[in-house]
């Protein structure tokens, strides 16, 4: 009996061991199956912004630069400015000495006075001729009336003489009036000549045509300056004047970015030399490519009232060429390119891999715009796409992606 009991306990122990072994075998099979399912790093299709910027090196130029010439030839009697001086429009820069012009001006003044005297004399002559004509015309009229009232009382010869004198005096009146008109015209000519010479005399004071800074001085006191009005002589300027309170920032935009340039485009400007940063706007561009550099000159007007910026300085600029807001975006790494065909691998709701063709738009550094083929919230595999097969089950591990991405294109920048 004791022996039988031992056999029963032994059988129960073996059964328990077999049952426990069976349980362990089933758990290891489940773990092995889970280990066989590959993992995939995915990103969710989300709405975001992509910006395409262009970095350019620009150079400041004066808004206007002119060489100031003298209108008349003469010696510099005094020069009032030197390089670096700020001047206002109309300010006297230099005074010329032209003795022969002074003599010519005195001659025109005398001629103008003589012509006025001639007008006075001609007016008196007209008055005298009109008075004489009035007297002779009255005499002829009385004789004519008497001859008509009493025929034979006045001899015909006497009547003819009176008529001739009347007509002659009338002609003298017309001649006097013509002389007065000629004197008046001559006086107008003398006046115009006087004004012309007077203007030339005023040009002996060389004035600034605009507000600016004297950037160079070509002549000193006593120098002979030729008039800057003749193309046959090489005239020497007196000074170079630069309008520097308003500058042009010129940017050479490359050919592939020309289509995005428009008036009013915002430009971020950084001037390292003076540690200054500000925003500007495109105000003009040439609409023409330089054949040598394949660039288009583009300008920004920069106020410079304090002259803190100097013409010739360089600036680093950033122009926003394109900006797409609120578009569907995915990481650039998710794209699979095969010739002209672009596709991605999507992990569906059942955790299976599904290939999809997509159409893309603006591409940034890390993100790319998706125009078609995906919906918001879809999960796309972002790496190692060659390791996955369509229909394959995967464990998706979602990675975070930024909401905005900026692509910066360098073109002659110094950053």
Protein backbone atom coordinates (compact mmCIF):
# COMPACT_ATOMS: atom_id res chain seq x y z
CA UNK A 1 0.00 0.00 0.00
CA UNK A 2 2.82 2.41 0.79
CA UNK A 3 4.43 1.56 -2.51
CA UNK A 4 1.27 2.43 -4.45
CA UNK A 5 0.99 5.76 -2.69
CA UNK A 6 4.50 6.63 -3.73
CA UNK A 7 3.68 5.93 -7.36
CA UNK A 8 0.68 8.30 -7.19
CA UNK A 9 2.76 11.17 -5.81
CA UNK A 10 5.41 10.57 -8.41
CA UNK A 11 2.85 10.70 -11.19
CA UNK A 12 1.39 13.96 -9.90
CA UNK A 13 4.84 15.52 -9.67
CA UNK A 14 5.69 14.54 -13.27
CA UNK A 15 2.38 15.95 -14.47
CA UNK A 16 3.02 19.22 -12.67
CA UNK A 17 6.48 19.47 -14.16
CA UNK A 18 5.14 18.78 -17.67
CA UNK A 19 2.39 21.34 -17.23
CA UNK A 20 4.84 24.01 -16.06
CA UNK A 21 7.16 23.21 -18.94
CA UNK A 22 4.29 23.56 -21.38
CA UNK A 23 3.39 27.01 -20.00
CA UNK A 24 6.94 28.25 -20.35
CA UNK A 25 7.16 26.96 -23.89
CA UNK A 26 4.01 28.89 -24.88
CA UNK A 27 5.28 32.24 -23.40
CA UNK A 28 8.62 32.00 -25.17
CA UNK A 29 6.83 31.48 -28.50
CA UNK A 30 4.79 34.65 -28.02
CA UNK A 31 7.92 36.67 -27.20
CA UNK A 32 9.73 35.31 -30.21
CA UNK A 33 6.87 36.29 -32.48
CA UNK A 34 6.96 39.85 -31.10
CA UNK A 35 10.69 39.98 -31.59
CA UNK A 36 10.29 39.02 -35.25
CA UNK A 37 8.08 42.18 -36.01
CA UNK A 38 10.49 44.98 -37.13
CA UNK A 39 10.32 48.50 -35.77
CA UNK A 40 10.01 51.56 -38.02
CA UNK A 41 10.62 55.22 -37.21
CA UNK A 42 7.69 57.21 -38.54
CA UNK A 43 6.50 60.82 -38.60
CA UNK A 44 2.93 62.06 -38.74
CA UNK A 45 1.83 64.19 -41.68
CA UNK A 46 1.09 67.58 -40.14
CA UNK A 47 0.38 71.15 -41.20
CA UNK A 48 3.31 73.55 -41.00
CA UNK A 49 5.22 76.36 -42.71
CA UNK A 50 8.14 76.21 -45.13
CA UNK A 51 10.23 79.28 -45.95
CA UNK A 52 12.81 79.71 -48.71
CA UNK A 53 15.34 82.46 -47.96
CA UNK A 54 18.19 83.84 -50.05
CA UNK A 55 21.35 85.18 -48.39
CA UNK A 56 23.18 87.87 -50.33
CA UNK A 57 26.12 90.20 -49.74
CA UNK A 58 25.22 93.77 -50.68
CA UNK A 59 27.12 97.05 -50.85
CA UNK A 60 25.98 100.53 -49.85
CA UNK A 61 26.10 103.26 -52.49
CA UNK A 62 25.24 106.97 -52.23
CA UNK A 63 21.78 107.80 -53.49
CA UNK A 64 23.35 110.39 -55.80
CA UNK A 65 26.97 111.28 -56.60
CA UNK A 66 27.94 114.27 -58.73
CA UNK A 67 31.03 116.22 -59.72
CA UNK A 68 30.29 119.90 -59.18
CA UNK A 69 31.59 122.00 -62.11
CA UNK A 70 31.70 125.73 -62.65
CA UNK A 71 29.34 127.23 -65.21
CA UNK A 72 31.91 129.89 -66.16
CA UNK A 73 35.68 129.87 -66.50
CA UNK A 74 37.71 131.72 -63.89
CA UNK A 75 40.15 131.58 -61.00
CA UNK A 76 39.06 130.28 -57.63
CA UNK A 77 39.11 133.25 -55.27
CA UNK A 78 37.91 131.25 -52.28
CA UNK A 79 36.83 127.66 -51.63
CA UNK A 80 34.71 127.13 -48.53
CA UNK A 81 34.58 123.35 -48.12
CA UNK A 82 36.85 120.37 -47.76
CA UNK A 83 36.43 116.59 -47.77
CA UNK A 84 34.04 115.29 -45.14
CA UNK A 85 32.06 118.52 -44.83
CA UNK A 86 28.28 118.26 -44.80
CA UNK A 87 26.61 120.88 -46.98
CA UNK A 88 23.06 121.99 -47.63
CA UNK A 89 21.39 122.63 -50.96
CA UNK A 90 22.19 126.19 -52.11
CA UNK A 91 25.21 126.57 -49.85
CA UNK A 92 28.15 128.40 -51.46
CA UNK A 93 31.01 125.99 -52.09
CA UNK A 94 33.43 128.31 -53.90
CA UNK A 95 33.68 131.80 -55.39
CA UNK A 96 35.33 132.45 -58.77
CA UNK A 97 37.03 135.59 -59.95
CA UNK A 98 36.19 136.54 -63.59
CA UNK A 99 37.24 140.19 -64.29
CA UNK A 100 36.18 140.17 -67.94
CA UNK A 101 32.72 138.99 -66.91
CA UNK A 102 32.37 141.95 -64.57
CA UNK A 103 33.26 144.31 -67.43
CA UNK A 104 30.78 142.60 -69.69
CA UNK A 105 28.09 142.95 -67.05
CA UNK A 106 28.77 146.71 -66.77
CA UNK A 107 28.54 146.97 -70.56
CA UNK A 108 25.13 145.31 -70.63
CA UNK A 109 23.91 147.60 -67.86
CA UNK A 110 24.97 150.63 -69.90
CA UNK A 111 23.36 149.25 -73.05
CA UNK A 112 20.12 148.61 -71.17
CA UNK A 113 20.11 152.22 -69.90
CA UNK A 114 20.80 153.57 -73.43
CA UNK A 115 17.94 151.50 -74.85
CA UNK A 116 15.58 152.88 -72.23
CA UNK A 117 16.63 156.43 -73.18
CA UNK A 118 15.98 155.58 -76.82
CA UNK A 119 12.47 154.46 -75.93
CA UNK A 120 11.86 157.78 -74.20
CA UNK A 121 13.11 159.73 -77.23
CA UNK A 122 10.94 157.64 -79.57
CA UNK A 123 7.88 158.25 -77.45
CA UNK A 124 8.49 162.00 -77.57
CA UNK A 125 8.90 161.77 -81.35
CA UNK A 126 5.56 160.01 -81.62
CA UNK A 127 3.91 162.73 -79.54
CA UNK A 128 5.43 165.51 -81.68
CA UNK A 129 4.41 163.78 -84.93
CA UNK A 130 0.87 163.25 -83.69
CA UNK A 131 0.58 166.92 -82.68
CA UNK A 132 1.88 168.13 -86.04
CA UNK A 133 -0.45 165.76 -87.86
CA UNK A 134 -3.41 166.96 -85.85
CA UNK A 135 -2.65 170.62 -86.76
CA UNK A 136 -2.14 169.94 -90.47
CA UNK A 137 -5.16 167.70 -90.64
CA UNK A 138 -7.31 170.45 -89.10
CA UNK A 139 -6.04 173.01 -91.64
CA UNK A 140 -6.84 170.71 -94.55
CA UNK A 141 -10.28 169.96 -93.15
CA UNK A 142 -11.18 173.68 -92.79
CA UNK A 143 -9.98 174.52 -96.31
CA UNK A 144 -11.90 171.62 -97.73
CA UNK A 145 -15.08 172.69 -95.98
CA UNK A 146 -14.65 176.32 -97.14
CA UNK A 147 -14.06 175.23 -100.74
CA UNK A 148 -17.16 173.11 -100.57
CA UNK A 149 -19.34 175.92 -99.14
CA UNK A 150 -18.05 178.62 -101.50
CA UNK A 151 -16.69 177.20 -104.73
CA UNK A 152 -13.80 179.20 -106.16
CA UNK A 153 -12.99 180.80 -102.79
CA UNK A 154 -9.99 178.46 -102.18
CA UNK A 155 -7.57 177.79 -104.99
CA UNK A 156 -7.25 174.13 -105.92
CA UNK A 157 -3.47 174.33 -105.62
CA UNK A 158 -3.72 175.52 -102.06
CA UNK A 159 -6.17 172.74 -101.26
CA UNK A 160 -3.86 170.11 -102.77
CA UNK A 161 -0.88 171.41 -100.80
CA UNK A 162 -2.84 171.18 -97.53
CA UNK A 163 -3.90 167.61 -98.33
CA UNK A 164 -0.30 166.61 -99.12
CA UNK A 165 0.95 168.04 -95.84
CA UNK A 166 -1.81 166.18 -93.99
CA UNK A 167 -0.89 162.84 -95.54
CA UNK A 168 2.83 163.46 -94.99
CA UNK A 169 2.31 164.19 -91.31
CA UNK A 170 0.24 161.03 -90.95
CA UNK A 171 3.13 159.04 -92.45
CA UNK A 172 5.55 160.63 -89.98
CA UNK A 173 3.28 159.49 -87.15
CA UNK A 174 3.44 155.91 -88.43
CA UNK A 175 7.24 156.16 -88.78
CA UNK A 176 7.59 157.49 -85.22
CA UNK A 177 5.46 154.65 -83.88
CA UNK A 178 7.58 152.12 -85.79
CA UNK A 179 10.74 153.68 -84.33
CA UNK A 180 9.23 153.39 -80.85
CA UNK A 181 8.44 149.73 -81.44
CA UNK A 182 12.00 149.09 -82.65
CA UNK A 183 13.43 150.86 -79.61
CA UNK A 184 11.21 148.78 -77.33
CA UNK A 185 12.36 145.54 -78.95
CA UNK A 186 15.98 146.64 -78.76
CA UNK A 187 15.49 147.39 -75.08
CA UNK A 188 14.06 143.91 -74.53
CA UNK A 189 17.14 142.44 -76.23
CA UNK A 190 19.42 144.56 -74.04
CA UNK A 191 17.48 143.47 -70.98
CA UNK A 192 17.78 139.79 -71.95
CA UNK A 193 21.51 140.18 -72.57
CA UNK A 194 21.89 141.88 -69.21
CA UNK A 195 20.02 139.06 -67.51
CA UNK A 196 22.16 136.48 -69.31
CA UNK A 197 25.42 138.11 -68.25
CA UNK A 198 24.00 138.68 -64.78
CA UNK A 199 23.21 134.99 -64.49
CA UNK A 200 26.73 134.15 -65.60
CA UNK A 201 28.03 136.54 -62.97
CA UNK A 202 25.92 134.74 -60.39
CA UNK A 203 27.56 131.49 -61.48
CA UNK A 204 30.82 132.79 -60.07
CA UNK A 205 29.30 131.58 -56.79
CA UNK A 206 29.35 127.80 -57.07
CA UNK A 207 26.57 126.36 -54.88
CA UNK A 208 25.60 122.85 -53.77
CA UNK A 209 22.78 121.40 -55.91
CA UNK A 210 21.69 119.04 -53.10
CA UNK A 211 22.26 118.11 -49.47
CA UNK A 212 25.27 115.87 -49.09
CA UNK A 213 28.85 115.27 -48.07
CA UNK A 214 31.99 116.49 -49.84
CA UNK A 215 33.86 113.29 -50.67
CA UNK A 216 36.67 114.84 -52.72
CA UNK A 217 38.16 118.26 -53.47
CA UNK A 218 39.80 118.70 -56.87
CA UNK A 219 40.94 122.35 -56.77
CA UNK A 220 42.46 124.89 -54.40
CA UNK A 221 42.47 128.67 -54.15
CA UNK A 222 43.95 130.27 -57.27
CA UNK A 223 43.31 127.33 -59.57
CA UNK A 224 42.03 128.11 -63.06
CA UNK A 225 38.71 126.37 -63.65
CA UNK A 226 37.29 125.88 -67.12
CA UNK A 227 33.56 126.13 -67.69
CA UNK A 228 31.94 122.72 -67.57
CA UNK A 229 29.61 123.42 -70.49
CA UNK A 230 31.81 122.51 -73.46
CA UNK A 231 32.52 118.99 -74.64
CA UNK A 232 35.66 120.20 -76.41
CA UNK A 233 37.56 120.95 -73.20
CA UNK A 234 38.46 118.71 -70.29
CA UNK A 235 37.05 120.77 -67.45
CA UNK A 236 38.22 120.17 -63.90
CA UNK A 237 35.47 119.73 -61.27
CA UNK A 238 35.72 121.69 -58.06
CA UNK A 239 34.40 119.04 -55.64
CA UNK A 240 32.64 115.68 -55.63
CA UNK A 241 29.34 115.73 -53.73
CA UNK A 242 27.67 112.60 -52.39
CA UNK A 243 24.11 112.36 -51.11
CA UNK A 244 24.77 110.07 -48.15
CA UNK A 245 21.78 110.75 -45.88
CA UNK A 246 19.92 108.25 -48.07
CA UNK A 247 21.80 105.21 -49.36
CA UNK A 248 21.15 102.56 -51.96
CA UNK A 249 21.88 99.00 -50.82
CA UNK A 250 22.59 97.10 -54.02
CA UNK A 251 22.14 93.32 -54.13
CA UNK A 252 23.16 91.03 -57.03
CA UNK A 253 20.21 88.61 -57.19
CA UNK A 254 21.11 85.36 -59.05
CA UNK A 255 19.21 84.32 -62.13
CA UNK A 256 17.25 81.49 -60.50
CA UNK A 257 15.82 83.86 -57.85
CA UNK A 258 14.81 86.71 -60.17
CA UNK A 259 11.25 85.43 -60.57
CA UNK A 260 10.62 85.85 -56.82
CA UNK A 261 11.83 89.47 -56.59
CA UNK A 262 9.11 92.13 -56.35
CA UNK A 263 8.77 95.66 -55.02
CA UNK A 264 8.02 95.70 -51.31
CA UNK A 265 9.73 92.38 -50.54
CA UNK A 266 11.07 92.36 -46.96
CA UNK A 267 14.85 92.18 -46.59
CA UNK A 268 16.67 91.57 -43.30
CA UNK A 269 19.93 93.55 -43.29
CA UNK A 270 22.90 93.01 -40.98
CA UNK A 271 25.87 95.40 -41.12
CA UNK A 272 28.69 93.78 -39.18
CA UNK A 273 30.98 96.82 -39.41
CA UNK A 274 28.67 98.93 -37.24
CA UNK A 275 26.87 96.09 -35.42
CA UNK A 276 23.54 97.16 -36.80
CA UNK A 277 20.57 95.11 -38.01
CA UNK A 278 17.34 96.38 -39.55
CA UNK A 279 14.62 95.54 -42.05
CA UNK A 280 14.28 97.09 -45.48
CA UNK A 281 12.11 96.75 -48.57
CA UNK A 282 12.96 96.22 -52.22
CA UNK A 283 12.19 99.52 -53.97
CA UNK A 284 13.56 98.93 -57.47
CA UNK A 285 15.39 96.43 -59.66
CA UNK A 286 16.81 96.60 -63.15
CA UNK A 287 14.63 93.88 -64.72
CA UNK A 288 17.75 92.98 -66.66
CA UNK A 289 20.46 90.35 -66.12
CA UNK A 290 24.14 91.19 -66.20
CA UNK A 291 25.48 88.91 -68.93
CA UNK A 292 28.84 88.47 -67.17
CA UNK A 293 27.58 87.62 -63.67
CA UNK A 294 24.06 86.35 -64.49
CA UNK A 295 22.66 88.53 -61.72
CA UNK A 296 20.08 91.31 -61.52
CA UNK A 297 20.86 94.48 -59.56
CA UNK A 298 18.26 95.02 -56.85
CA UNK A 299 18.13 98.08 -54.58
CA UNK A 300 16.91 98.93 -51.10
CA UNK A 301 16.70 102.54 -49.92
CA UNK A 302 18.26 102.95 -46.46
CA UNK A 303 17.79 106.23 -44.50
CA UNK A 304 21.11 107.39 -43.05
CA UNK A 305 20.44 110.75 -41.39
CA UNK A 306 23.20 110.26 -38.81
CA UNK A 307 25.70 109.08 -41.47
CA UNK A 308 26.48 106.00 -39.36
CA UNK A 309 26.60 103.96 -42.56
CA UNK A 310 29.36 104.79 -45.01
CA UNK A 311 29.09 104.23 -48.78
CA UNK A 312 31.19 101.23 -49.74
CA UNK A 313 30.32 99.21 -46.63
CA UNK A 314 29.15 95.62 -47.08
CA UNK A 315 25.99 94.15 -45.58
CA UNK A 316 24.70 90.61 -45.21
CA UNK A 317 21.07 90.37 -46.28
CA UNK A 318 18.33 87.78 -46.25
CA UNK A 319 15.42 87.98 -48.71
CA UNK A 320 12.34 85.81 -48.20
CA UNK A 321 11.73 84.38 -51.67
CA UNK A 322 8.85 81.98 -50.86
CA UNK A 323 6.71 81.19 -47.84
CA UNK A 324 4.02 78.49 -47.71
CA UNK A 325 1.96 78.49 -44.49
CA UNK A 326 -0.58 75.88 -43.34
CA UNK A 327 0.54 73.19 -45.80
CA UNK A 328 0.95 69.44 -45.23
CA UNK A 329 4.57 68.62 -44.43
CA UNK A 330 6.68 65.51 -43.93
CA UNK A 331 10.41 65.04 -43.27
CA UNK A 332 12.60 65.12 -46.36
CA UNK A 333 14.04 61.72 -45.32
CA UNK A 334 10.65 60.11 -45.98
CA UNK A 335 10.87 60.63 -49.73
CA UNK A 336 11.79 57.78 -52.09
CA UNK A 337 12.90 59.07 -55.48
CA UNK A 338 12.83 56.86 -58.55
CA UNK A 339 13.49 59.03 -61.58
CA UNK A 340 10.60 61.48 -61.81
CA UNK A 341 8.44 59.37 -59.51
CA UNK A 342 8.34 60.26 -55.80
CA UNK A 343 6.79 57.95 -53.20
CA UNK A 344 6.70 57.27 -49.47
CA UNK A 345 6.04 54.23 -47.25
CA UNK A 346 2.92 54.66 -45.10
CA UNK A 347 2.12 52.57 -41.99
CA UNK A 348 -1.65 51.99 -42.10
CA UNK A 349 -4.12 51.48 -39.27
CA UNK A 350 -3.29 47.75 -39.20
CA UNK A 351 0.44 48.49 -38.80
CA UNK A 352 1.21 47.27 -42.32
CA UNK A 353 3.52 49.00 -44.79
CA UNK A 354 1.83 50.62 -47.79
CA UNK A 355 3.67 52.46 -50.61
CA UNK A 356 2.07 55.67 -51.95
CA UNK A 357 2.99 58.06 -54.74
CA UNK A 358 3.04 61.71 -53.70
CA UNK A 359 3.36 65.13 -55.30
CA UNK A 360 5.59 67.58 -53.47
CA UNK A 361 5.93 71.36 -53.46
CA UNK A 362 8.31 73.71 -51.67
CA UNK A 363 11.20 71.90 -50.00
CA UNK A 364 13.05 73.17 -46.96
CA UNK A 365 16.10 71.86 -45.15
CA UNK A 366 14.21 69.26 -43.08
CA UNK A 367 10.60 69.41 -44.25
CA UNK A 368 8.91 69.19 -47.63
CA UNK A 369 5.44 70.28 -48.69
CA UNK A 370 3.07 67.48 -49.81
CA UNK A 371 0.47 68.55 -52.35
CA UNK A 372 -1.24 65.19 -52.93
CA UNK A 373 -1.05 61.53 -51.93
CA UNK A 374 -1.24 61.93 -48.14
CA UNK A 375 -3.70 63.09 -45.53
CA UNK A 376 -3.09 64.85 -42.24
CA UNK A 377 -2.25 62.27 -39.55
CA UNK A 378 -0.84 59.62 -41.91
CA UNK A 379 2.34 57.97 -40.65
CA UNK A 380 5.29 57.81 -43.04
CA UNK A 381 8.52 55.89 -42.55
CA UNK A 382 11.44 58.31 -42.32
CA UNK A 383 14.46 56.05 -42.77
CA UNK A 384 15.73 52.69 -44.02
CA UNK A 385 12.84 52.31 -46.46
CA UNK A 386 14.70 49.58 -48.36
CA UNK A 387 14.36 47.31 -45.29
CA UNK A 388 10.56 47.15 -45.50
CA UNK A 389 8.27 45.33 -47.90
CA UNK A 390 4.71 46.29 -48.90
CA UNK A 391 2.22 44.57 -46.61
CA UNK A 392 4.82 43.87 -43.95
CA UNK A 393 3.76 44.38 -40.33
CA UNK A 394 5.86 46.87 -38.36
CA UNK A 395 5.96 48.48 -34.94
CA UNK A 396 5.68 52.23 -35.53
CA UNK A 397 7.77 54.56 -33.37
CA UNK A 398 6.57 58.13 -33.89
CA UNK A 399 9.17 60.94 -33.94
CA UNK A 400 8.39 64.61 -33.44
CA UNK A 401 8.84 67.03 -36.37
CA UNK A 402 9.09 70.86 -36.32
CA UNK A 403 6.18 73.09 -37.32
CA UNK A 404 8.31 75.43 -39.46
CA UNK A 405 11.39 74.94 -41.60
CA UNK A 406 13.57 77.46 -43.39
CA UNK A 407 15.77 76.75 -46.39
CA UNK A 408 18.59 79.26 -46.75
CA UNK A 409 20.30 79.62 -50.11
CA UNK A 410 23.73 81.24 -50.08
CA UNK A 411 24.70 83.50 -52.95
CA UNK A 412 27.77 85.60 -52.29
CA UNK A 413 27.08 85.97 -48.58
CA UNK A 414 29.76 86.44 -45.96
CA UNK A 415 27.96 84.69 -43.10
